[in-house]
């Protein structure tokens, strides 16, 4: 099977998002071939290079989302009119205004259909003219967006958009729609794969939608974090008009991806609920938990008695969403009942905001817990330590979990809690706040308390610190649950089954001879295995429906180009 893996700011780049699970997937499914189509985030990401690629990665094609030169395509009068109509319809859908589309026989056209018609209309125009980068950057595009915002029926936030807001939204749309102008959708590109697998939502889905639209290649969408949810969490300070219009675009794009995809997978039930809210059909949804390598945590998981019974451990990225302030206040309550308890905060700050938050937490810890000394001539020591993985005391992540008897998660916002799964693989009892997918991950193997409740957090930690037998039972149960549900092996096996399910329902591909008649046995059986035992087989034509109807057939005399090695 040949898979087109679609990524945005991810695999195969060294610093890519979701790089690790994509890398494990490609290595784990060595019996299949992968063509990677990657959209990069920045120049620095491209300069850092790629991870080592396995032999079953046949081809890697990349395109930047952070930069695009003007394609210098000059649209003729008809093309300009088509662009104006399609972009005006797209803008009208985003603004909530009435559009210009009229359905046949007076039937109403849904918002989803209007968005899809506008999107694929722009894609077809880009394919015919060679690109739409210049058109999407033009003043005409901004004025079209402004008219849609001022049109009757537009949402209030859109009507209040000012010129800077319109420029910001137009710039975002131009970047988000750059995949429309790529040359990835021909028969020797995505048209040659058996299945497109988008490794995230957003821009990574667009190439898959266009491959399905132009060549009928089936689409699988995987989301470990729903893009619309991320938008709400990461842009709280943006102007209301910008937030509203961008949320509308991301919501419409997600709904179209869910509608066209054969299967949509979520990393947990929390993300799955978001997908349903954005329009995903429940029948298409599958939950595939992220796969983690359990081997580095085996030593800690098999020897829980080596942990310090008076130490709490927190592991993660240092940022406000992790609510370390509540954890420090909870630890003050713990110290009143268990004076010998220590807290080790292990993690690095994320960006300038994270660095400032770390300084604030250090100052709060120094205020709440003055340095203590056993005698007048011994230097004092703070019961709270801030550390990072990679130092002499904690060279590996597993060492951080092995250092304490109880692992604590204090977040107020969380998706899939990776640190919690690592603690479970390490056989540690856990105390967590009830956010995101925490309850789904923990099951009945840990204690869960409300977020922003230091007293409840403290009581749960004290209960486990006082009861070693209970800690041992919960830790053993947590490790068994993690090994059953959250390993690399189960993740790879789940996707392998989904690949086979989708391809088994895909339209039949066929080969025609020079007269347009079907060639029986033109594609040898060995063409479907990773090693070719014969000469390259003829190119295959994808059909949207069964039957022998002729439509742009691929002749048997045309050969598949020689496979490209990963570069």
Protein backbone atom coordinates (compact mmCIF):
# COMPACT_ATOMS: atom_id res chain seq x y z
CA UNK A 1 0.00 0.00 0.00
CA UNK A 2 1.23 3.51 -0.78
CA UNK A 3 0.35 6.20 1.77
CA UNK A 4 0.53 9.96 1.22
CA UNK A 5 1.39 11.34 4.70
CA UNK A 6 0.39 15.02 4.94
CA UNK A 7 1.94 17.16 7.69
CA UNK A 8 2.01 20.81 8.73
CA UNK A 9 5.06 21.92 10.72
CA UNK A 10 5.69 18.27 11.52
CA UNK A 11 7.38 15.16 10.15
CA UNK A 12 10.04 14.84 8.76
CA UNK A 13 11.47 18.01 10.34
CA UNK A 14 13.58 17.56 13.49
CA UNK A 15 11.56 20.14 15.44
CA UNK A 16 8.21 19.24 13.93
CA UNK A 17 4.94 18.92 15.83
CA UNK A 18 3.73 15.31 16.11
CA UNK A 19 7.09 14.29 14.61
CA UNK A 20 7.58 11.45 17.05
CA UNK A 21 4.33 9.58 16.42
CA UNK A 22 4.64 10.00 12.64
CA UNK A 23 8.19 8.65 12.78
CA UNK A 24 7.08 5.66 14.82
CA UNK A 25 4.17 5.04 12.46
CA UNK A 26 6.37 5.04 9.35
CA UNK A 27 8.95 2.76 10.96
CA UNK A 28 6.29 0.47 12.40
CA UNK A 29 4.51 -0.01 9.04
CA UNK A 30 7.60 -0.99 7.08
CA UNK A 31 5.47 -3.19 4.80
CA UNK A 32 3.87 -0.05 3.32
CA UNK A 33 5.39 2.75 1.24
CA UNK A 34 5.07 6.39 2.32
CA UNK A 35 5.21 9.61 0.32
CA UNK A 36 5.58 12.54 2.72
CA UNK A 37 4.10 15.92 1.76
CA UNK A 38 5.23 18.44 4.38
CA UNK A 39 4.31 22.09 4.93
CA UNK A 40 7.06 23.83 6.92
CA UNK A 41 6.58 26.42 9.66
CA UNK A 42 9.68 28.61 9.39
CA UNK A 43 13.14 29.01 7.89
CA UNK A 44 14.71 27.84 11.15
CA UNK A 45 12.68 24.64 11.01
CA UNK A 46 13.91 23.94 7.48
CA UNK A 47 17.50 24.75 8.47
CA UNK A 48 17.40 22.18 11.29
CA UNK A 49 16.85 19.45 8.72
CA UNK A 50 15.02 16.13 8.75
CA UNK A 51 15.05 13.11 10.99
CA UNK A 52 16.65 9.97 9.48
CA UNK A 53 14.15 8.45 7.07
CA UNK A 54 13.55 4.69 6.73
CA UNK A 55 13.76 2.96 3.33
CA UNK A 56 9.98 2.76 2.95
CA UNK A 57 9.77 6.57 2.60
CA UNK A 58 9.88 6.80 -1.19
CA UNK A 59 9.53 10.54 -1.63
CA UNK A 60 9.46 13.78 0.38
CA UNK A 61 7.98 16.95 -1.08
CA UNK A 62 7.95 20.16 0.94
CA UNK A 63 6.44 23.63 0.67
CA UNK A 64 6.72 26.60 3.05
CA UNK A 65 3.69 28.12 4.73
CA UNK A 66 5.77 30.93 6.24
CA UNK A 67 6.92 32.38 2.92
CA UNK A 68 5.75 32.44 -0.67
CA UNK A 69 7.02 34.51 -3.56
CA UNK A 70 4.46 36.12 -5.80
CA UNK A 71 3.67 33.58 -8.50
CA UNK A 72 3.44 36.47 -11.02
CA UNK A 73 0.36 34.83 -12.52
CA UNK A 74 -1.67 37.42 -14.41
CA UNK A 75 -5.32 36.47 -14.45
CA UNK A 76 -7.39 37.25 -17.49
CA UNK A 77 -10.77 38.91 -17.32
CA UNK A 78 -12.73 35.67 -17.00
CA UNK A 79 -10.30 34.27 -14.44
CA UNK A 80 -10.53 37.48 -12.40
CA UNK A 81 -14.30 37.25 -12.47
CA UNK A 82 -14.22 33.61 -11.36
CA UNK A 83 -11.79 34.43 -8.58
CA UNK A 84 -13.96 37.31 -7.41
CA UNK A 85 -17.08 35.14 -7.34
CA UNK A 86 -15.43 32.25 -5.48
CA UNK A 87 -13.59 34.44 -2.97
CA UNK A 88 -16.69 36.56 -2.39
CA UNK A 89 -18.69 33.41 -1.62
CA UNK A 90 -15.96 32.17 0.73
CA UNK A 91 -15.87 35.51 2.54
CA UNK A 92 -19.67 35.64 2.77
CA UNK A 93 -19.76 32.23 4.46
CA UNK A 94 -17.12 33.32 6.98
CA UNK A 95 -18.95 36.54 7.76
CA UNK A 96 -22.31 34.82 8.04
CA UNK A 97 -23.77 36.96 5.26
CA UNK A 98 -26.10 35.81 2.49
CA UNK A 99 -24.19 34.52 -0.52
CA UNK A 100 -24.75 34.55 -4.25
CA UNK A 101 -25.04 30.81 -4.83
CA UNK A 102 -28.41 29.56 -6.04
CA UNK A 103 -29.08 25.83 -5.84
CA UNK A 104 -30.86 24.01 -8.69
CA UNK A 105 -34.65 24.23 -8.78
CA UNK A 106 -34.70 26.84 -6.06
CA UNK A 107 -33.45 24.49 -3.33
CA UNK A 108 -31.45 26.16 -0.57
CA UNK A 109 -27.68 25.65 -0.47
CA UNK A 110 -26.24 24.82 2.94
CA UNK A 111 -23.36 26.76 4.45
CA UNK A 112 -21.18 23.66 4.14
CA UNK A 113 -21.93 23.37 0.42
CA UNK A 114 -21.31 27.07 -0.15
CA UNK A 115 -17.92 26.85 1.56
CA UNK A 116 -17.01 23.69 -0.39
CA UNK A 117 -18.09 25.18 -3.73
CA UNK A 118 -16.01 28.30 -3.10
CA UNK A 119 -12.96 26.32 -1.91
CA UNK A 120 -12.92 23.87 -4.81
CA UNK A 121 -13.72 26.65 -7.25
CA UNK A 122 -10.56 28.45 -6.12
CA UNK A 123 -8.60 25.18 -6.33
CA UNK A 124 -9.71 24.52 -9.91
CA UNK A 125 -8.86 28.08 -10.89
CA UNK A 126 -5.41 27.75 -9.29
CA UNK A 127 -4.83 24.53 -11.21
CA UNK A 128 -5.81 26.08 -14.51
CA UNK A 129 -3.89 29.34 -14.10
CA UNK A 130 -0.79 28.12 -12.23
CA UNK A 131 -1.49 29.66 -8.83
CA UNK A 132 -3.47 32.22 -6.84
CA UNK A 133 -0.84 33.65 -4.49
CA UNK A 134 -0.89 37.05 -6.18
CA UNK A 135 -4.68 37.15 -6.40
CA UNK A 136 -5.12 36.28 -2.72
CA UNK A 137 -2.64 39.04 -1.80
CA UNK A 138 -4.29 41.65 -3.99
CA UNK A 139 -6.20 44.70 -2.90
CA UNK A 140 -9.23 43.25 -4.65
CA UNK A 141 -9.24 40.34 -2.20
CA UNK A 142 -9.19 42.74 0.77
CA UNK A 143 -12.01 44.82 -0.70
CA UNK A 144 -14.03 41.66 -1.34
CA UNK A 145 -13.59 40.68 2.28
CA UNK A 146 -14.62 44.17 3.39
CA UNK A 147 -17.82 44.04 1.30
CA UNK A 148 -18.71 40.68 2.85
CA UNK A 149 -18.23 42.11 6.34
CA UNK A 150 -20.48 45.09 5.56
CA UNK A 151 -23.17 43.06 3.75
CA UNK A 152 -26.66 42.63 5.22
CA UNK A 153 -26.84 39.65 7.55
CA UNK A 154 -23.15 39.66 8.45
CA UNK A 155 -22.34 38.87 12.05
CA UNK A 156 -21.82 41.76 14.42
CA UNK A 157 -18.13 41.01 14.98
CA UNK A 158 -17.55 41.01 11.20
CA UNK A 159 -19.43 44.30 10.72
CA UNK A 160 -17.17 45.94 13.30
CA UNK A 161 -13.95 44.88 11.52
CA UNK A 162 -11.55 47.76 10.93
CA UNK A 163 -8.93 48.04 8.21
CA UNK A 164 -6.13 46.44 10.32
CA UNK A 165 -8.48 43.57 11.12
CA UNK A 166 -9.33 43.04 7.45
CA UNK A 167 -5.64 43.07 6.50
CA UNK A 168 -4.84 40.54 9.25
CA UNK A 169 -7.64 38.18 8.16
CA UNK A 170 -6.78 38.52 4.46
CA UNK A 171 -3.13 37.73 5.25
CA UNK A 172 -4.13 34.65 7.23
CA UNK A 173 -6.41 33.38 4.47
CA UNK A 174 -3.67 33.84 1.90
CA UNK A 175 -1.28 31.74 3.99
CA UNK A 176 -3.89 29.10 4.81
CA UNK A 177 -4.88 28.73 1.13
CA UNK A 178 -1.34 28.43 -0.26
CA UNK A 179 -1.72 24.65 -0.71
CA UNK A 180 -4.27 25.43 -3.45
CA UNK A 181 -1.43 26.66 -5.65
CA UNK A 182 0.86 23.63 -5.21
CA UNK A 183 1.52 21.10 -7.99
CA UNK A 184 1.01 18.08 -5.77
CA UNK A 185 -2.27 16.83 -7.21
CA UNK A 186 -1.29 15.29 -10.53
CA UNK A 187 -1.17 11.59 -11.39
CA UNK A 188 2.52 11.40 -10.48
CA UNK A 189 1.91 13.12 -7.12
CA UNK A 190 -0.87 12.55 -4.65
CA UNK A 191 -2.90 11.03 -7.45
CA UNK A 192 -0.57 8.01 -7.37
CA UNK A 193 -1.09 7.10 -3.68
CA UNK A 194 -3.69 4.67 -2.37
CA UNK A 195 -4.60 6.79 0.66
CA UNK A 196 -3.95 10.29 2.00
CA UNK A 197 -3.35 10.49 5.76
CA UNK A 198 -3.47 14.04 7.18
CA UNK A 199 -1.51 14.04 10.43
CA UNK A 200 -3.30 17.13 11.76
CA UNK A 201 -6.13 19.49 10.99
CA UNK A 202 -5.73 22.90 9.38
CA UNK A 203 -3.52 23.39 6.35
CA UNK A 204 -2.37 19.74 6.32
CA UNK A 205 -5.90 18.68 5.41
CA UNK A 206 -6.13 20.85 2.28
CA UNK A 207 -3.84 18.73 0.07
CA UNK A 208 -5.85 15.67 1.05
CA UNK A 209 -9.14 17.39 0.20
CA UNK A 210 -7.80 18.48 -3.18
CA UNK A 211 -6.36 15.03 -3.96
CA UNK A 212 -9.77 13.58 -3.24
CA UNK A 213 -11.49 16.24 -5.32
CA UNK A 214 -9.21 15.91 -8.36
CA UNK A 215 -8.31 12.19 -8.35
CA UNK A 216 -10.65 10.47 -5.88
CA UNK A 217 -7.93 9.37 -3.43
CA UNK A 218 -9.56 8.50 -0.07
CA UNK A 219 -8.70 10.65 2.96
CA UNK A 220 -7.95 9.80 6.60
CA UNK A 221 -7.77 12.68 9.10
CA UNK A 222 -5.97 12.31 12.45
CA UNK A 223 -6.16 14.98 15.15
CA UNK A 224 -4.50 14.79 18.54
CA UNK A 225 -5.45 18.42 19.09
CA UNK A 226 -8.46 20.02 17.39
CA UNK A 227 -7.36 23.19 15.59
CA UNK A 228 -10.47 25.20 16.48
CA UNK A 229 -9.96 24.49 20.20
CA UNK A 230 -6.33 25.55 19.90
CA UNK A 231 -7.43 28.79 18.22
CA UNK A 232 -9.72 29.67 21.12
CA UNK A 233 -6.98 28.91 23.66
CA UNK A 234 -4.07 30.69 21.96
CA UNK A 235 -5.63 33.91 20.59
CA UNK A 236 -7.54 35.41 23.54
CA UNK A 237 -6.19 38.92 22.95
CA UNK A 238 -6.90 39.16 19.22
CA UNK A 239 -9.56 41.69 18.11
CA UNK A 240 -13.09 40.21 18.11
CA UNK A 241 -13.44 40.50 14.33
CA UNK A 242 -10.19 38.62 13.71
CA UNK A 243 -11.07 35.91 16.24
CA UNK A 244 -14.55 35.48 14.78
CA UNK A 245 -13.52 35.30 11.12
CA UNK A 246 -10.56 32.99 11.68
CA UNK A 247 -12.63 30.71 13.90
CA UNK A 248 -15.27 30.57 11.16
CA UNK A 249 -12.66 29.59 8.56
CA UNK A 250 -11.12 26.90 10.74
CA UNK A 251 -14.53 25.56 11.70
CA UNK A 252 -15.70 25.41 8.07
CA UNK A 253 -12.46 23.78 6.91
CA UNK A 254 -12.68 21.19 9.70
CA UNK A 255 -16.32 20.43 8.85
CA UNK A 256 -15.45 19.93 5.16
CA UNK A 257 -12.53 17.66 6.08
CA UNK A 258 -14.75 15.59 8.35
CA UNK A 259 -17.41 15.38 5.65
CA UNK A 260 -15.03 14.19 2.93
CA UNK A 261 -12.81 11.91 5.03
CA UNK A 262 -13.48 8.20 5.05
CA UNK A 263 -12.39 7.96 8.69
CA UNK A 264 -11.57 10.61 11.32
CA UNK A 265 -9.44 9.63 14.30
CA UNK A 266 -9.06 11.45 17.60
CA UNK A 267 -6.41 10.89 20.23
CA UNK A 268 -8.93 10.85 23.07
CA UNK A 269 -12.62 11.26 23.85
CA UNK A 270 -12.13 14.96 24.72
CA UNK A 271 -10.86 15.71 21.18
CA UNK A 272 -13.56 13.46 19.76
CA UNK A 273 -16.29 15.57 21.39
CA UNK A 274 -14.77 18.66 19.79
CA UNK A 275 -14.79 16.92 16.41
CA UNK A 276 -18.45 16.04 16.78
CA UNK A 277 -19.19 19.64 17.74
CA UNK A 278 -17.44 20.77 14.54
CA UNK A 279 -19.63 18.52 12.42
CA UNK A 280 -17.91 15.13 12.30
CA UNK A 281 -20.21 12.17 11.67
CA UNK A 282 -20.12 9.85 14.67
CA UNK A 283 -20.07 6.83 12.36
CA UNK A 284 -16.72 7.94 10.91
CA UNK A 285 -14.99 8.60 14.23
CA UNK A 286 -12.37 6.31 15.77
CA UNK A 287 -10.34 6.89 18.94
CA UNK A 288 -6.66 6.02 18.51
CA UNK A 289 -4.66 6.93 21.58
CA UNK A 290 -1.12 8.27 21.07
CA UNK A 291 1.47 5.53 21.18
CA UNK A 292 4.38 5.88 23.59
CA UNK A 293 7.58 3.89 23.91
CA UNK A 294 7.31 2.00 27.19
CA UNK A 295 10.89 0.72 27.24
CA UNK A 296 12.58 3.78 28.84
CA UNK A 297 10.17 3.54 31.79
CA UNK A 298 10.46 -0.21 32.36
CA UNK A 299 13.14 0.01 35.06
CA UNK A 300 11.20 2.56 37.12
CA UNK A 301 7.94 0.70 36.60
CA UNK A 302 9.35 -2.63 37.76
CA UNK A 303 11.01 -1.23 40.90
CA UNK A 304 8.58 1.26 42.49
CA UNK A 305 10.08 0.63 45.94
CA UNK A 306 13.17 2.66 44.96
CA UNK A 307 11.22 5.95 44.99
CA UNK A 308 11.58 8.42 47.84
CA UNK A 309 8.36 7.96 49.85
CA UNK A 310 8.35 11.63 50.93
CA UNK A 311 8.77 13.23 47.48
CA UNK A 312 6.15 14.60 45.09
CA UNK A 313 7.10 15.05 41.43
CA UNK A 314 5.61 17.38 38.82
CA UNK A 315 6.80 16.99 35.19
CA UNK A 316 5.82 19.08 32.18
CA UNK A 317 6.20 22.34 30.30
CA UNK A 318 6.32 25.39 32.56
CA UNK A 319 3.50 27.70 31.46
CA UNK A 320 0.46 29.35 33.10
CA UNK A 321 -1.93 26.63 31.89
CA UNK A 322 -0.12 24.13 34.15
CA UNK A 323 -1.16 26.15 37.25
CA UNK A 324 1.97 25.64 39.33
CA UNK A 325 0.74 28.43 41.61
CA UNK A 326 -2.11 26.23 42.87
CA UNK A 327 0.35 23.35 43.29
CA UNK A 328 2.65 25.48 45.44
CA UNK A 329 -0.25 26.59 47.64
CA UNK A 330 -1.37 22.96 47.92
CA UNK A 331 2.17 21.97 48.90
CA UNK A 332 2.04 24.52 51.73
CA UNK A 333 -0.97 22.63 53.11
CA UNK A 334 0.82 19.30 52.64
CA UNK A 335 3.83 20.52 54.61
CA UNK A 336 1.63 21.31 57.58
CA UNK A 337 0.67 17.64 57.83
CA UNK A 338 3.83 16.05 56.38
CA UNK A 339 6.78 18.34 57.26
CA UNK A 340 9.39 16.11 55.61
CA UNK A 341 7.73 16.14 52.18
CA UNK A 342 9.62 17.61 49.22
CA UNK A 343 8.37 18.80 45.83
CA UNK A 344 10.45 18.49 42.66
CA UNK A 345 9.21 20.59 39.73
CA UNK A 346 10.81 19.21 36.57
CA UNK A 347 10.38 21.06 33.29
CA UNK A 348 11.54 23.88 31.04
CA UNK A 349 9.66 27.12 30.35
CA UNK A 350 7.85 27.61 27.04
CA UNK A 351 8.62 30.96 25.40
CA UNK A 352 8.89 34.35 27.13
CA UNK A 353 5.58 33.88 28.91
CA UNK A 354 6.77 30.58 30.35
CA UNK A 355 10.08 32.10 31.47
CA UNK A 356 8.25 34.90 33.28
CA UNK A 357 5.89 32.38 34.86
CA UNK A 358 8.84 30.29 36.09
CA UNK A 359 10.37 33.35 37.77
CA UNK A 360 7.04 34.07 39.44
CA UNK A 361 6.78 30.49 40.72
CA UNK A 362 10.35 30.56 42.05
CA UNK A 363 9.60 33.77 43.93
CA UNK A 364 6.38 32.31 45.33
CA UNK A 365 8.20 29.16 46.48
CA UNK A 366 10.84 31.26 48.23
CA UNK A 367 8.10 33.25 49.95
CA UNK A 368 6.01 30.25 51.03
CA UNK A 369 8.93 28.03 52.03
CA UNK A 370 11.92 29.91 53.47
CA UNK A 371 15.14 27.93 53.31
CA UNK A 372 15.34 25.47 56.19
CA UNK A 373 18.43 24.23 58.03
CA UNK A 374 18.90 21.53 60.63
CA UNK A 375 21.35 23.63 62.61
CA UNK A 376 22.81 27.17 62.88
CA UNK A 377 25.98 26.23 60.98
CA UNK A 378 24.33 24.31 58.11
CA UNK A 379 23.19 26.07 54.94
CA UNK A 380 19.45 26.18 54.42
CA UNK A 381 17.56 24.20 51.81
CA UNK A 382 14.20 24.88 50.15
CA UNK A 383 11.77 21.93 50.05
CA UNK A 384 10.77 22.96 46.51
CA UNK A 385 13.30 22.47 43.71
CA UNK A 386 13.02 23.57 40.07
CA UNK A 387 14.95 21.31 37.69
CA UNK A 388 15.21 20.34 34.04
CA UNK A 389 15.68 16.96 32.44
CA UNK A 390 19.19 16.46 31.10
CA UNK A 391 21.15 17.45 34.19
CA UNK A 392 23.39 15.15 36.24
CA UNK A 393 20.58 14.20 38.66
CA UNK A 394 17.84 13.72 36.04
CA UNK A 395 19.47 12.73 32.74
CA UNK A 396 16.32 11.03 31.38
CA UNK A 397 12.56 11.60 31.75
CA UNK A 398 12.23 8.22 33.50
CA UNK A 399 14.61 9.42 36.21
CA UNK A 400 12.24 12.27 37.06
CA UNK A 401 9.31 9.92 37.70
CA UNK A 402 11.53 7.44 39.56
CA UNK A 403 12.57 10.19 41.99
CA UNK A 404 9.19 10.44 43.76
CA UNK A 405 6.46 8.22 45.12
CA UNK A 406 3.58 10.35 43.77
CA UNK A 407 3.33 12.26 40.48
CA UNK A 408 1.11 15.36 40.44
CA UNK A 409 -0.63 17.09 37.51
CA UNK A 410 -2.16 20.49 38.36
CA UNK A 411 -3.25 21.82 34.93
CA UNK A 412 -6.31 23.95 34.24
CA UNK A 413 -6.12 23.22 30.47
CA UNK A 414 -4.94 19.93 29.07
CA UNK A 415 -5.38 17.86 25.95
CA UNK A 416 -3.87 14.39 26.13
CA UNK A 417 -1.64 14.37 29.26
CA UNK A 418 1.60 12.81 28.04
CA UNK A 419 3.36 13.29 31.39
CA UNK A 420 0.54 11.40 33.11
CA UNK A 421 0.96 8.41 30.80
CA UNK A 422 4.73 8.45 31.41
CA UNK A 423 4.09 8.40 35.16
CA UNK A 424 1.71 5.45 34.69
CA UNK A 425 4.31 3.57 32.64
CA UNK A 426 6.73 4.25 35.51
CA UNK A 427 4.33 2.58 37.94
CA UNK A 428 3.65 5.72 39.96
CA UNK A 429 0.48 6.66 41.79
CA UNK A 430 -0.89 9.95 40.47
CA UNK A 431 -2.98 12.90 41.63
CA UNK A 432 -4.45 14.95 38.77
CA UNK A 433 -6.91 17.73 38.08
CA UNK A 434 -10.06 16.86 36.16
CA UNK A 435 -9.30 18.56 32.82
CA UNK A 436 -9.09 17.44 29.20
CA UNK A 437 -8.61 13.70 28.77
CA UNK A 438 -7.25 13.09 32.28
CA UNK A 439 -10.14 10.92 33.50
CA UNK A 440 -10.11 8.93 30.26
CA UNK A 441 -6.38 8.25 30.66
CA UNK A 442 -6.40 7.52 34.38
CA UNK A 443 -9.48 5.36 34.56
CA UNK A 444 -9.62 4.15 38.16
CA UNK A 445 -5.85 4.03 38.70
CA UNK A 446 -5.31 7.47 40.25
CA UNK A 447 -6.91 10.25 42.26
CA UNK A 448 -8.64 13.11 40.42
CA UNK A 449 -9.58 16.48 41.97
CA UNK A 450 -11.21 19.68 40.62
CA UNK A 451 -8.86 22.22 38.99
CA UNK A 452 -7.84 25.39 40.85
CA UNK A 453 -8.57 23.74 44.19
CA UNK A 454 -5.33 23.65 46.25
CA UNK A 455 -7.06 22.17 49.31
CA UNK A 456 -8.46 19.18 47.39
CA UNK A 457 -5.08 18.67 45.69
CA UNK A 458 -3.33 18.71 49.06
CA UNK A 459 -5.78 16.25 50.66
CA UNK A 460 -5.36 13.76 47.82
CA UNK A 461 -1.55 13.94 47.97
CA UNK A 462 -1.52 13.49 51.77
CA UNK A 463 -3.85 10.46 51.46
CA UNK A 464 -1.36 8.72 49.16
CA UNK A 465 1.74 9.78 51.11
CA UNK A 466 0.25 8.23 54.23
CA UNK A 467 -0.67 4.89 52.62
CA UNK A 468 2.26 3.07 50.91
CA UNK A 469 0.15 -0.01 50.17
CA UNK A 470 -2.46 2.05 48.31
CA UNK A 471 0.29 3.80 46.34
CA UNK A 472 1.68 0.45 45.30
CA UNK A 473 -1.72 -0.88 44.18
CA UNK A 474 -2.56 2.24 42.18
CA UNK A 475 0.90 2.35 40.60
CA UNK A 476 0.72 -1.28 39.49
CA UNK A 477 -2.78 -0.80 38.06
CA UNK A 478 -1.70 2.39 36.27
CA UNK A 479 1.25 0.65 34.63
CA UNK A 480 -0.94 -2.25 33.46
CA UNK A 481 -3.48 0.18 31.98
CA UNK A 482 -0.82 2.22 30.18
CA UNK A 483 0.80 -0.89 28.71
CA UNK A 484 -2.57 -2.04 27.42
CA UNK A 485 -3.82 1.24 25.91
CA UNK A 486 -1.02 3.72 25.27
CA UNK A 487 1.90 1.94 23.63
CA UNK A 488 3.44 2.39 20.20
CA UNK A 489 2.39 -1.12 19.23
CA UNK A 490 -1.34 -0.52 19.78
CA UNK A 491 -1.15 2.80 17.92
CA UNK A 492 0.52 1.23 14.86
CA UNK A 493 -1.84 -1.75 14.84
CA UNK A 494 -4.87 0.55 15.00
CA UNK A 495 -3.74 2.63 12.01
CA UNK A 496 -2.81 -0.47 10.04
CA UNK A 497 -6.35 -1.76 10.47
CA UNK A 498 -7.84 1.61 9.48
CA UNK A 499 -5.67 1.74 6.35
CA UNK A 500 -6.90 -1.67 5.24
CA UNK A 501 -10.50 -0.75 6.03
CA UNK A 502 -10.36 2.43 3.93
CA UNK A 503 -8.55 0.90 0.95
CA UNK A 504 -10.95 -2.04 0.92
CA UNK A 505 -13.79 0.42 0.29
CA UNK A 506 -11.89 2.64 -2.18
CA UNK A 507 -12.90 2.84 -5.85
CA UNK A 508 -11.36 0.24 -8.15
CA UNK A 509 -8.35 1.35 -10.21
CA UNK A 510 -7.94 0.05 -13.75
CA UNK A 511 -5.57 0.17 -16.69
CA UNK A 512 -6.66 0.66 -20.34
CA UNK A 513 -4.87 -0.29 -23.52
CA UNK A 514 -4.34 2.01 -26.48
CA UNK A 515 -7.88 1.42 -27.75
CA UNK A 516 -9.47 2.27 -24.43
CA UNK A 517 -10.32 -1.33 -23.54
CA UNK A 518 -9.55 -2.74 -20.09
CA UNK A 519 -6.43 -4.84 -19.74
CA UNK A 520 -7.08 -7.92 -17.58
CA UNK A 521 -4.33 -8.69 -15.06
CA UNK A 522 -2.50 -5.50 -16.03
CA UNK A 523 -1.49 -4.89 -12.43
CA UNK A 524 0.42 -7.84 -10.98
CA UNK A 525 -0.31 -8.89 -7.41
CA UNK A 526 3.28 -8.20 -6.37
CA UNK A 527 2.78 -4.51 -7.19
CA UNK A 528 1.01 -4.19 -3.83
CA UNK A 529 3.97 -5.35 -1.73
CA UNK A 530 6.88 -3.06 -0.76
CA UNK A 531 9.43 -4.84 -2.99
CA UNK A 532 8.87 -4.89 -6.76
CA UNK A 533 9.42 -8.29 -8.40
CA UNK A 534 8.73 -7.05 -11.90
CA UNK A 535 9.22 -3.98 -14.02
CA UNK A 536 7.26 -0.89 -12.95
CA UNK A 537 3.58 -1.40 -13.66
CA UNK A 538 1.56 1.06 -15.72
CA UNK A 539 0.05 4.08 -14.06
CA UNK A 540 -3.39 3.55 -12.62
CA UNK A 541 -6.45 5.68 -13.15
CA UNK A 542 -8.61 6.36 -10.11
CA UNK A 543 -12.30 6.18 -10.65
CA UNK A 544 -14.93 7.79 -8.46
CA UNK A 545 -17.37 4.95 -9.16
CA UNK A 546 -17.15 1.35 -10.38
CA UNK A 547 -17.71 0.38 -13.97
CA UNK A 548 -15.83 0.63 -17.21
CA UNK A 549 -16.93 4.14 -18.18
CA UNK A 550 -14.05 5.99 -19.81
CA UNK A 551 -12.94 9.33 -18.38
CA UNK A 552 -9.38 10.52 -18.80
CA UNK A 553 -7.97 6.95 -18.94
CA UNK A 554 -4.30 6.31 -18.31
CA UNK A 555 -2.91 4.33 -21.22
CA UNK A 556 -1.04 1.14 -20.63
CA UNK A 557 1.92 2.50 -22.58
CA UNK A 558 2.63 5.18 -19.96
CA UNK A 559 4.89 3.98 -17.18
CA UNK A 560 5.23 5.01 -13.57
CA UNK A 561 8.31 7.19 -13.08
CA UNK A 562 11.21 5.56 -11.28
CA UNK A 563 10.83 5.77 -7.48
CA UNK A 564 12.62 8.69 -5.90
CA UNK A 565 14.72 8.09 -2.82
CA UNK A 566 14.17 10.17 0.30
CA UNK A 567 16.43 13.17 0.08
